[in-house]
Amino acid sequence: MATLLDFCSLVRSKNAGPFILTFDFMCHDQTAYEALVATGFLTKGLFASVYGTDPDQILVVNHPGALAVKVSLPRPTVQGDLHDTDCYAGQQYAPLMDMELPPAP
């Protein structure tokens, strides 16, 4: 089975303001981008289950021209809150990295 690093040269998470968490999945090339999208791995359901968010509040956008997929969702805690363990959201992608992706159809 493949992981995100088999498709992506860059996987990152960051803040998009104090209330929104965003992920960028930038693929190696056109073939990798098409294969990643074809797996159907990066879904609202995945992010809802991993980050405890309502799927209706998650935005998944494919950017074929940039060979990238962007996912945005509400931050679990507001940036800078007393209970915020990752103020810059730079480590939020970590739970996704070891997950095995299904094969593309």
PDB file of N, CA and C in Angstrom:
ATOM      1  N   MET A   1       0.836  -1.191   0.000  1.00  0.00           N
ATOM      2  CA  MET A   1       0.000   0.000   0.000  1.00  0.00           C
ATOM      3  C   MET A   1       0.878   1.251   0.000  1.00  0.00           C
ATOM      4  N   ALA A   2       0.331   2.308  -0.538  1.00  0.00           N
ATOM      5  CA  ALA A   2       1.059   3.567  -0.655  1.00  0.00           C
ATOM      6  C   ALA A   2       0.683   4.513   0.481  1.00  0.00           C
ATOM      7  N   THR A   3       1.555   5.480   0.738  1.00  0.00           N
ATOM      8  CA  THR A   3       1.271   6.560   1.681  1.00  0.00           C
ATOM      9  C   THR A   3       1.282   7.878   0.909  1.00  0.00           C
ATOM     10  N   LEU A   4       0.947   8.949   1.579  1.00  0.00           N
ATOM     11  CA  LEU A   4       0.912  10.256   0.921  1.00  0.00           C
ATOM     12  C   LEU A   4       2.254  10.636   0.306  1.00  0.00           C
ATOM     13  N   LEU A   5       3.349  10.241   0.933  1.00  0.00           N
ATOM     14  CA  LEU A   5       4.662  10.607   0.395  1.00  0.00           C
ATOM     15  C   LEU A   5       4.986   9.908  -0.916  1.00  0.00           C
ATOM     16  N   ASP A   6       4.258   8.844  -1.250  1.00  0.00           N
ATOM     17  CA  ASP A   6       4.442   8.220  -2.556  1.00  0.00           C
ATOM     18  C   ASP A   6       3.874   9.096  -3.674  1.00  0.00           C
ATOM     19  N   PHE A   7       2.971  10.008  -3.329  1.00  0.00           N
ATOM     20  CA  PHE A   7       2.338  10.884  -4.308  1.00  0.00           C
ATOM     21  C   PHE A   7       2.800  12.337  -4.191  1.00  0.00           C
ATOM     22  N   CYS A   8       3.130  12.759  -2.975  1.00  0.00           N
ATOM     23  CA  CYS A   8       3.352  14.180  -2.688  1.00  0.00           C
ATOM     24  C   CYS A   8       4.812  14.503  -2.389  1.00  0.00           C
ATOM     25  N   SER A   9       5.262  15.610  -2.945  1.00  0.00           N
ATOM     26  CA  SER A   9       6.590  16.118  -2.608  1.00  0.00           C
ATOM     27  C   SER A   9       6.511  17.042  -1.393  1.00  0.00           C
ATOM     28  N   LEU A  10       5.300  17.539  -1.092  1.00  0.00           N
ATOM     29  CA  LEU A  10       5.107  18.400   0.066  1.00  0.00           C
ATOM     30  C   LEU A  10       3.723  18.149   0.654  1.00  0.00           C
ATOM     31  N   VAL A  11       3.692  17.890   1.934  1.00  0.00           N
ATOM     32  CA  VAL A  11       2.447  17.799   2.698  1.00  0.00           C
ATOM     33  C   VAL A  11       2.626  18.739   3.869  1.00  0.00           C
ATOM     34  N   ARG A  12       1.705  19.688   4.021  1.00  0.00           N
ATOM     35  CA  ARG A  12       1.845  20.625   5.130  1.00  0.00           C
ATOM     36  C   ARG A  12       0.479  21.034   5.660  1.00  0.00           C
ATOM     37  N   SER A  13       0.500  21.511   6.884  1.00  0.00           N
ATOM     38  CA  SER A  13      -0.683  22.091   7.509  1.00  0.00           C
ATOM     39  C   SER A  13      -0.278  23.449   8.052  1.00  0.00           C
ATOM     40  N   LYS A  14      -1.253  24.337   8.120  1.00  0.00           N
ATOM     41  CA  LYS A  14      -0.982  25.678   8.632  1.00  0.00           C
ATOM     42  C   LYS A  14      -2.301  26.360   8.949  1.00  0.00           C
ATOM     43  N   ASN A  15      -2.203  27.485   9.606  1.00  0.00           N
ATOM     44  CA  ASN A  15      -3.377  28.284   9.888  1.00  0.00           C
ATOM     45  C   ASN A  15      -3.784  29.056   8.648  1.00  0.00           C
ATOM     46  N   ALA A  16      -5.076  29.237   8.502  1.00  0.00           N
ATOM     47  CA  ALA A  16      -5.628  30.163   7.514  1.00  0.00           C
ATOM     48  C   ALA A  16      -6.468  31.140   8.334  1.00  0.00           C
ATOM     49  N   GLY A  17      -5.797  31.871   9.198  1.00  0.00           N
ATOM     50  CA  GLY A  17      -6.462  32.713  10.176  1.00  0.00           C
ATOM     51  C   GLY A  17      -6.574  31.956  11.490  1.00  0.00           C
ATOM     52  N   PRO A  18      -7.094  32.588  12.533  1.00  0.00           N
ATOM     53  CA  PRO A  18      -7.130  31.962  13.851  1.00  0.00           C
ATOM     54  C   PRO A  18      -8.190  30.880  14.019  1.00  0.00           C
ATOM     55  N   PHE A  19      -9.091  30.750  13.047  1.00  0.00           N
ATOM     56  CA  PHE A  19     -10.201  29.808  13.192  1.00  0.00           C
ATOM     57  C   PHE A  19     -10.184  28.661  12.184  1.00  0.00           C
ATOM     58  N   ILE A  20      -9.310  28.734  11.189  1.00  0.00           N
ATOM     59  CA  ILE A  20      -9.302  27.753  10.096  1.00  0.00           C
ATOM     60  C   ILE A  20      -7.942  27.081   9.997  1.00  0.00           C
ATOM     61  N   LEU A  21      -7.980  25.774   9.823  1.00  0.00           N
ATOM     62  CA  LEU A  21      -6.797  24.939   9.608  1.00  0.00           C
ATOM     63  C   LEU A  21      -6.818  24.523   8.139  1.00  0.00           C
ATOM     64  N   THR A  22      -5.677  24.607   7.476  1.00  0.00           N
ATOM     65  CA  THR A  22      -5.632  24.227   6.068  1.00  0.00           C
ATOM     66  C   THR A  22      -4.469  23.279   5.810  1.00  0.00           C
ATOM     67  N   PHE A  23      -4.687  22.360   4.887  1.00  0.00           N
ATOM     68  CA  PHE A  23      -3.694  21.366   4.497  1.00  0.00           C
ATOM     69  C   PHE A  23      -3.406  21.523   3.016  1.00  0.00           C
ATOM     70  N   ASP A  24      -2.144  21.360   2.641  1.00  0.00           N
ATOM     71  CA  ASP A  24      -1.739  21.371   1.237  1.00  0.00           C
ATOM     72  C   ASP A  24      -1.059  20.051   0.917  1.00  0.00           C
ATOM     73  N   PHE A  25      -1.502  19.429  -0.153  1.00  0.00           N
ATOM     74  CA  PHE A  25      -0.919  18.179  -0.647  1.00  0.00           C
ATOM     75  C   PHE A  25      -0.430  18.455  -2.056  1.00  0.00           C
ATOM     76  N   MET A  26       0.875  18.650  -2.227  1.00  0.00           N
ATOM     77  CA  MET A  26       1.461  19.018  -3.511  1.00  0.00           C
ATOM     78  C   MET A  26       2.163  17.812  -4.103  1.00  0.00           C
ATOM     79  N   CYS A  27       1.701  17.400  -5.261  1.00  0.00           N
ATOM     80  CA  CYS A  27       2.153  16.144  -5.864  1.00  0.00           C
ATOM     81  C   CYS A  27       3.452  16.291  -6.654  1.00  0.00           C
ATOM     82  N   HIS A  28       4.132  15.155  -6.812  1.00  0.00           N
ATOM     83  CA  HIS A  28       5.402  15.100  -7.541  1.00  0.00           C
ATOM     84  C   HIS A  28       5.241  15.533  -8.994  1.00  0.00           C
ATOM     85  N   ASP A  29       4.192  15.060  -9.634  1.00  0.00           N
ATOM     86  CA  ASP A  29       3.994  15.322 -11.060  1.00  0.00           C
ATOM     87  C   ASP A  29       2.527  15.037 -11.418  1.00  0.00           C
ATOM     88  N   GLN A  30       2.199  15.204 -12.675  1.00  0.00           N
ATOM     89  CA  GLN A  30       0.825  15.010 -13.144  1.00  0.00           C
ATOM     90  C   GLN A  30       0.318  13.590 -12.863  1.00  0.00           C
ATOM     91  N   THR A  31       1.166  12.615 -13.103  1.00  0.00           N
ATOM     92  CA  THR A  31       0.780  11.221 -12.881  1.00  0.00           C
ATOM     93  C   THR A  31       0.453  10.981 -11.404  1.00  0.00           C
ATOM     94  N   ALA A  32       1.294  11.499 -10.517  1.00  0.00           N
ATOM     95  CA  ALA A  32       1.067  11.330  -9.085  1.00  0.00           C
ATOM     96  C   ALA A  32      -0.207  12.059  -8.659  1.00  0.00           C
ATOM     97  N   TYR A  33      -0.439  13.262  -9.190  1.00  0.00           N
ATOM     98  CA  TYR A  33      -1.651  14.011  -8.849  1.00  0.00           C
ATOM     99  C   TYR A  33      -2.900  13.229  -9.261  1.00  0.00           C
ATOM    100  N   GLU A  34      -2.916  12.757 -10.495  1.00  0.00           N
ATOM    101  CA  GLU A  34      -4.076  12.009 -10.985  1.00  0.00           C
ATOM    102  C   GLU A  34      -4.299  10.731 -10.182  1.00  0.00           C
ATOM    103  N   ALA A  35      -3.215  10.061  -9.804  1.00  0.00           N
ATOM    104  CA  ALA A  35      -3.333   8.836  -9.014  1.00  0.00           C
ATOM    105  C   ALA A  35      -3.854   9.141  -7.607  1.00  0.00           C
ATOM    106  N   LEU A  36      -3.359  10.213  -6.980  1.00  0.00           N
ATOM    107  CA  LEU A  36      -3.823  10.580  -5.642  1.00  0.00           C
ATOM    108  C   LEU A  36      -5.313  10.902  -5.666  1.00  0.00           C
ATOM    109  N   VAL A  37      -5.731  11.705  -6.597  1.00  0.00           N
ATOM    110  CA  VAL A  37      -7.153  12.064  -6.694  1.00  0.00           C
ATOM    111  C   VAL A  37      -7.994  10.814  -6.960  1.00  0.00           C
ATOM    112  N   ALA A  38      -7.499   9.923  -7.793  1.00  0.00           N
ATOM    113  CA  ALA A  38      -8.242   8.706  -8.130  1.00  0.00           C
ATOM    114  C   ALA A  38      -8.416   7.771  -6.932  1.00  0.00           C
ATOM    115  N   THR A  39      -7.521   7.831  -5.956  1.00  0.00           N
ATOM    116  CA  THR A  39      -7.682   6.966  -4.776  1.00  0.00           C
ATOM    117  C   THR A  39      -8.913   7.347  -3.958  1.00  0.00           C
ATOM    118  N   GLY A  40      -9.329   8.596  -4.041  1.00  0.00           N
ATOM    119  CA  GLY A  40     -10.455   9.055  -3.240  1.00  0.00           C
ATOM    120  C   GLY A  40     -10.133   9.134  -1.757  1.00  0.00           C
ATOM    121  N   PHE A  41      -8.868   9.211  -1.412  1.00  0.00           N
ATOM    122  CA  PHE A  41      -8.428   9.202  -0.013  1.00  0.00           C
ATOM    123  C   PHE A  41      -8.735  10.508   0.716  1.00  0.00           C
ATOM    124  N   LEU A  42      -8.469  11.637   0.072  1.00  0.00           N
ATOM    125  CA  LEU A  42      -8.609  12.936   0.722  1.00  0.00           C
ATOM    126  C   LEU A  42     -10.065  13.392   0.658  1.00  0.00           C
ATOM    127  N   THR A  43     -10.861  12.895   1.588  1.00  0.00           N
ATOM    128  CA  THR A  43     -12.292  13.185   1.597  1.00  0.00           C
ATOM    129  C   THR A  43     -12.682  13.960   2.856  1.00  0.00           C
ATOM    130  N   LYS A  44     -13.860  14.556   2.794  1.00  0.00           N
ATOM    131  CA  LYS A  44     -14.404  15.221   3.975  1.00  0.00           C
ATOM    132  C   LYS A  44     -14.550  14.227   5.122  1.00  0.00           C
ATOM    133  N   GLY A  45     -14.961  13.007   4.796  1.00  0.00           N
ATOM    134  CA  GLY A  45     -15.136  11.984   5.826  1.00  0.00           C
ATOM    135  C   GLY A  45     -13.852  11.657   6.555  1.00  0.00           C
ATOM    136  N   LEU A  46     -12.746  11.560   5.822  1.00  0.00           N
ATOM    137  CA  LEU A  46     -11.450  11.293   6.449  1.00  0.00           C
ATOM    138  C   LEU A  46     -11.101  12.388   7.443  1.00  0.00           C
ATOM    139  N   PHE A  47     -11.192  13.630   6.999  1.00  0.00           N
ATOM    140  CA  PHE A  47     -10.812  14.749   7.867  1.00  0.00           C
ATOM    141  C   PHE A  47     -11.785  14.914   9.030  1.00  0.00           C
ATOM    142  N   ALA A  48     -13.052  14.635   8.801  1.00  0.00           N
ATOM    143  CA  ALA A  48     -14.033  14.701   9.889  1.00  0.00           C
ATOM    144  C   ALA A  48     -13.694  13.690  10.971  1.00  0.00           C
ATOM    145  N   SER A  49     -13.311  12.474  10.565  1.00  0.00           N
ATOM    146  CA  SER A  49     -13.008  11.443  11.560  1.00  0.00           C
ATOM    147  C   SER A  49     -11.682  11.701  12.274  1.00  0.00           C
ATOM    148  N   VAL A  50     -10.676  12.156  11.552  1.00  0.00           N
ATOM    149  CA  VAL A  50      -9.360  12.371  12.168  1.00  0.00           C
ATOM    150  C   VAL A  50      -9.354  13.612  13.062  1.00  0.00           C
ATOM    151  N   TYR A  51     -10.055  14.671  12.633  1.00  0.00           N
ATOM    152  CA  TYR A  51      -9.981  15.950  13.344  1.00  0.00           C
ATOM    153  C   TYR A  51     -11.265  16.313  14.095  1.00  0.00           C
ATOM    154  N   GLY A  52     -12.221  15.387  14.140  1.00  0.00           N
ATOM    155  CA  GLY A  52     -13.423  15.600  14.933  1.00  0.00           C
ATOM    156  C   GLY A  52     -14.244  16.794  14.499  1.00  0.00           C
ATOM    157  N   THR A  53     -14.393  16.957  13.211  1.00  0.00           N
ATOM    158  CA  THR A  53     -15.094  18.108  12.650  1.00  0.00           C
ATOM    159  C   THR A  53     -16.304  17.646  11.844  1.00  0.00           C
ATOM    160  N   ASP A  54     -17.315  18.464  11.799  1.00  0.00           N
ATOM    161  CA  ASP A  54     -18.493  18.205  10.983  1.00  0.00           C
ATOM    162  C   ASP A  54     -18.090  18.228   9.507  1.00  0.00           C
ATOM    163  N   PRO A  55     -18.382  17.165   8.747  1.00  0.00           N
ATOM    164  CA  PRO A  55     -17.999  17.136   7.326  1.00  0.00           C
ATOM    165  C   PRO A  55     -18.565  18.297   6.518  1.00  0.00           C
ATOM    166  N   ASP A  56     -19.694  18.847   6.942  1.00  0.00           N
ATOM    167  CA  ASP A  56     -20.282  19.976   6.222  1.00  0.00           C
ATOM    168  C   ASP A  56     -19.454  21.250   6.361  1.00  0.00           C
ATOM    169  N   GLN A  57     -18.513  21.270   7.292  1.00  0.00           N
ATOM    170  CA  GLN A  57     -17.662  22.444   7.487  1.00  0.00           C
ATOM    171  C   GLN A  57     -16.283  22.274   6.854  1.00  0.00           C
ATOM    172  N   ILE A  58     -16.109  21.209   6.093  1.00  0.00           N
ATOM    173  CA  ILE A  58     -14.814  20.908   5.474  1.00  0.00           C
ATOM    174  C   ILE A  58     -14.882  21.206   3.979  1.00  0.00           C
ATOM    175  N   LEU A  59     -13.839  21.830   3.479  1.00  0.00           N
ATOM    176  CA  LEU A  59     -13.736  22.152   2.055  1.00  0.00           C
ATOM    177  C   LEU A  59     -12.545  21.399   1.474  1.00  0.00           C
ATOM    178  N   VAL A  60     -12.791  20.599   0.439  1.00  0.00           N
ATOM    179  CA  VAL A  60     -11.731  19.891  -0.277  1.00  0.00           C
ATOM    180  C   VAL A  60     -11.713  20.434  -1.693  1.00  0.00           C
ATOM    181  N   VAL A  61     -10.569  20.968  -2.120  1.00  0.00           N
ATOM    182  CA  VAL A  61     -10.462  21.582  -3.445  1.00  0.00           C
ATOM    183  C   VAL A  61      -9.293  20.951  -4.189  1.00  0.00           C
ATOM    184  N   ASN A  62      -9.579  20.409  -5.360  1.00  0.00           N
ATOM    185  CA  ASN A  62      -8.530  19.886  -6.238  1.00  0.00           C
ATOM    186  C   ASN A  62      -8.046  21.024  -7.137  1.00  0.00           C
ATOM    187  N   HIS A  63      -6.733  21.159  -7.246  1.00  0.00           N
ATOM    188  CA  HIS A  63      -6.116  22.191  -8.078  1.00  0.00           C
ATOM    189  C   HIS A  63      -5.256  21.507  -9.142  1.00  0.00           C
ATOM    190  N   PRO A  64      -5.867  21.040 -10.237  1.00  0.00           N
ATOM    191  CA  PRO A  64      -5.082  20.305 -11.232  1.00  0.00           C
ATOM    192  C   PRO A  64      -3.938  21.117 -11.828  1.00  0.00           C
ATOM    193  N   GLY A  65      -4.126  22.414 -12.015  1.00  0.00           N
ATOM    194  CA  GLY A  65      -3.061  23.246 -12.571  1.00  0.00           C
ATOM    195  C   GLY A  65      -1.846  23.339 -11.671  1.00  0.00           C
ATOM    196  N   ALA A  66      -2.059  23.226 -10.370  1.00  0.00           N
ATOM    197  CA  ALA A  66      -0.967  23.284  -9.397  1.00  0.00           C
ATOM    198  C   ALA A  66      -0.533  21.900  -8.941  1.00  0.00           C
ATOM    199  N   LEU A  67      -1.198  20.851  -9.456  1.00  0.00           N
ATOM    200  CA  LEU A  67      -0.926  19.469  -9.053  1.00  0.00           C
ATOM    201  C   LEU A  67      -1.048  19.332  -7.529  1.00  0.00           C
ATOM    202  N   ALA A  68      -2.113  19.915  -6.987  1.00  0.00           N
ATOM    203  CA  ALA A  68      -2.271  19.965  -5.535  1.00  0.00           C
ATOM    204  C   ALA A  68      -3.734  19.783  -5.127  1.00  0.00           C
ATOM    205  N   VAL A  69      -3.892  19.374  -3.882  1.00  0.00           N
ATOM    206  CA  VAL A  69      -5.202  19.300  -3.244  1.00  0.00           C
ATOM    207  C   VAL A  69      -5.105  20.114  -1.966  1.00  0.00           C
ATOM    208  N   LYS A  70      -6.112  20.952  -1.729  1.00  0.00           N
ATOM    209  CA  LYS A  70      -6.160  21.776  -0.525  1.00  0.00           C
ATOM    210  C   LYS A  70      -7.398  21.391   0.264  1.00  0.00           C
ATOM    211  N   VAL A  71      -7.237  21.259   1.570  1.00  0.00           N
ATOM    212  CA  VAL A  71      -8.338  20.921   2.462  1.00  0.00           C
ATOM    213  C   VAL A  71      -8.347  21.959   3.584  1.00  0.00           C
ATOM    214  N   SER A  72      -9.520  22.526   3.856  1.00  0.00           N
ATOM    215  CA  SER A  72      -9.658  23.501   4.938  1.00  0.00           C
ATOM    216  C   SER A  72     -10.799  23.088   5.851  1.00  0.00           C
ATOM    217  N   LEU A  73     -10.602  23.325   7.149  1.00  0.00           N
ATOM    218  CA  LEU A  73     -11.610  22.972   8.146  1.00  0.00           C
ATOM    219  C   LEU A  73     -11.422  23.839   9.379  1.00  0.00           C
ATOM    220  N   PRO A  74     -12.446  23.905  10.232  1.00  0.00           N
ATOM    221  CA  PRO A  74     -12.293  24.695  11.460  1.00  0.00           C
ATOM    222  C   PRO A  74     -11.203  24.119  12.353  1.00  0.00           C
ATOM    223  N   ARG A  75     -10.439  25.004  12.966  1.00  0.00           N
ATOM    224  CA  ARG A  75      -9.422  24.551  13.934  1.00  0.00           C
ATOM    225  C   ARG A  75     -10.118  23.927  15.130  1.00  0.00           C
ATOM    226  N   PRO A  76      -9.543  22.864  15.704  1.00  0.00           N
ATOM    227  CA  PRO A  76     -10.140  22.264  16.905  1.00  0.00           C
ATOM    228  C   PRO A  76     -10.226  23.253  18.070  1.00  0.00           C
ATOM    229  N   THR A  77      -9.230  24.124  18.197  1.00  0.00           N
ATOM    230  CA  THR A  77      -9.248  25.216  19.171  1.00  0.00           C
ATOM    231  C   THR A  77      -8.802  26.478  18.459  1.00  0.00           C
ATOM    232  N   VAL A  78      -9.243  27.603  18.913  1.00  0.00           N
ATOM    233  CA  VAL A  78      -8.844  28.876  18.324  1.00  0.00           C
ATOM    234  C   VAL A  78      -7.341  29.059  18.523  1.00  0.00           C
ATOM    235  N   GLN A  79      -6.684  29.583  17.500  1.00  0.00           N
ATOM    236  CA  GLN A  79      -5.238  29.807  17.590  1.00  0.00           C
ATOM    237  C   GLN A  79      -4.910  30.669  18.807  1.00  0.00           C
ATOM    238  N   GLY A  80      -3.965  30.203  19.594  1.00  0.00           N
ATOM    239  CA  GLY A  80      -3.509  30.939  20.766  1.00  0.00           C
ATOM    240  C   GLY A  80      -4.312  30.685  22.029  1.00  0.00           C
ATOM    241  N   ASP A  81      -5.377  29.889  21.919  1.00  0.00           N
ATOM    242  CA  ASP A  81      -6.167  29.536  23.095  1.00  0.00           C
ATOM    243  C   ASP A  81      -5.281  28.810  24.104  1.00  0.00           C
ATOM    244  N   LEU A  82      -5.646  28.878  25.350  1.00  0.00           N
ATOM    245  CA  LEU A  82      -4.880  28.214  26.409  1.00  0.00           C
ATOM    246  C   LEU A  82      -4.673  26.725  26.115  1.00  0.00           C
ATOM    247  N   HIS A  83      -5.619  26.084  25.448  1.00  0.00           N
ATOM    248  CA  HIS A  83      -5.538  24.652  25.150  1.00  0.00           C
ATOM    249  C   HIS A  83      -4.992  24.357  23.749  1.00  0.00           C
ATOM    250  N   ASP A  84      -4.509  25.374  23.044  1.00  0.00           N
ATOM    251  CA  ASP A  84      -3.954  25.195  21.704  1.00  0.00           C
ATOM    252  C   ASP A  84      -2.536  24.644  21.826  1.00  0.00           C
ATOM    253  N   THR A  85      -2.333  23.405  21.373  1.00  0.00           N
ATOM    254  CA  THR A  85      -1.017  22.761  21.494  1.00  0.00           C
ATOM    255  C   THR A  85      -0.143  22.957  20.252  1.00  0.00           C
ATOM    256  N   ASP A  86      -0.671  23.601  19.213  1.00  0.00           N
ATOM    257  CA  ASP A  86       0.080  23.813  17.976  1.00  0.00           C
ATOM    258  C   ASP A  86      -0.336  25.169  17.402  1.00  0.00           C
ATOM    259  N   CYS A  87       0.213  26.218  17.956  1.00  0.00           N
ATOM    260  CA  CYS A  87      -0.210  27.585  17.647  1.00  0.00           C
ATOM    261  C   CYS A  87      -0.157  27.905  16.152  1.00  0.00           C
ATOM    262  N   TYR A  88       0.812  27.362  15.434  1.00  0.00           N
ATOM    263  CA  TYR A  88       0.943  27.644  14.004  1.00  0.00           C
ATOM    264  C   TYR A  88       0.315  26.558  13.135  1.00  0.00           C
ATOM    265  N   ALA A  89      -0.191  25.508  13.756  1.00  0.00           N
ATOM    266  CA  ALA A  89      -0.843  24.387  13.060  1.00  0.00           C
ATOM    267  C   ALA A  89       0.110  23.655  12.119  1.00  0.00           C
ATOM    268  N   GLY A  90       1.382  23.802  12.313  1.00  0.00           N
ATOM    269  CA  GLY A  90       2.371  23.185  11.443  1.00  0.00           C
ATOM    270  C   GLY A  90       2.568  21.697  11.640  1.00  0.00           C
ATOM    271  N   GLN A  91       1.957  21.121  12.668  1.00  0.00           N
ATOM    272  CA  GLN A  91       2.122  19.695  12.929  1.00  0.00           C
ATOM    273  C   GLN A  91       0.829  18.904  12.753  1.00  0.00           C
ATOM    274  N   GLN A  92      -0.221  19.553  12.309  1.00  0.00           N
ATOM    275  CA  GLN A  92      -1.523  18.898  12.231  1.00  0.00           C
ATOM    276  C   GLN A  92      -1.613  17.833  11.141  1.00  0.00           C
ATOM    277  N   TYR A  93      -0.720  17.873  10.172  1.00  0.00           N
ATOM    278  CA  TYR A  93      -0.719  16.879   9.099  1.00  0.00           C
ATOM    279  C   TYR A  93      -0.192  15.517   9.551  1.00  0.00           C
ATOM    280  N   ALA A  94       0.505  15.463  10.665  1.00  0.00           N
ATOM    281  CA  ALA A  94       1.207  14.250  11.094  1.00  0.00           C
ATOM    282  C   ALA A  94       0.338  12.994  11.163  1.00  0.00           C
ATOM    283  N   PRO A  95      -0.898  13.037  11.673  1.00  0.00           N
ATOM    284  CA  PRO A  95      -1.685  11.798  11.743  1.00  0.00           C
ATOM    285  C   PRO A  95      -1.992  11.181  10.368  1.00  0.00           C
ATOM    286  N   LEU A  96      -1.874  11.951   9.323  1.00  0.00           N
ATOM    287  CA  LEU A  96      -2.189  11.454   7.982  1.00  0.00           C
ATOM    288  C   LEU A  96      -1.017  10.729   7.326  1.00  0.00           C
ATOM    289  N   MET A  97       0.192  10.963   7.808  1.00  0.00           N
ATOM    290  CA  MET A  97       1.381  10.538   7.078  1.00  0.00           C
ATOM    291  C   MET A  97       1.599   9.029   7.029  1.00  0.00           C
ATOM    292  N   ASP A  98       1.183   8.304   8.030  1.00  0.00           N
ATOM    293  CA  ASP A  98       1.402   6.855   8.030  1.00  0.00           C
ATOM    294  C   ASP A  98       0.184   6.062   7.543  1.00  0.00           C
ATOM    295  N   MET A  99      -0.877   6.762   7.213  1.00  0.00           N
ATOM    296  CA  MET A  99      -2.076   6.069   6.737  1.00  0.00           C
ATOM    297  C   MET A  99      -1.825   5.479   5.359  1.00  0.00           C
ATOM    298  N   GLU A 100      -2.341   4.283   5.143  1.00  0.00           N
ATOM    299  CA  GLU A 100      -2.197   3.643   3.844  1.00  0.00           C
ATOM    300  C   GLU A 100      -3.363   4.044   2.941  1.00  0.00           C
ATOM    301  N   LEU A 101      -3.036   4.445   1.738  1.00  0.00           N
ATOM    302  CA  LEU A 101      -4.046   4.866   0.781  1.00  0.00           C
ATOM    303  C   LEU A 101      -4.558   3.661   0.017  1.00  0.00           C
ATOM    304  N   PRO A 102      -5.832   3.671  -0.335  1.00  0.00           N
ATOM    305  CA  PRO A 102      -6.348   2.590  -1.155  1.00  0.00           C
ATOM    306  C   PRO A 102      -5.762   2.687  -2.566  1.00  0.00           C
ATOM    307  N   PRO A 103      -5.715   1.583  -3.280  1.00  0.00           N
ATOM    308  CA  PRO A 103      -5.221   1.660  -4.664  1.00  0.00           C
ATOM    309  C   PRO A 103      -6.205   2.444  -5.526  1.00  0.00           C
ATOM    310  N   ALA A 104      -5.677   3.115  -6.521  1.00  0.00           N
ATOM    311  CA  ALA A 104      -6.529   3.850  -7.472  1.00  0.00           C
ATOM    312  C   ALA A 104      -7.272   2.822  -8.330  1.00  0.00           C
ATOM    313  N   PRO A 105      -8.521   3.115  -8.664  1.00  0.00           N
ATOM    314  CA  PRO A 105      -9.284   2.165  -9.500  1.00  0.00           C
ATOM    315  C   PRO A 105      -8.731   2.057 -10.905  1.00  0.00           C
TER     316      PRO A 105
END
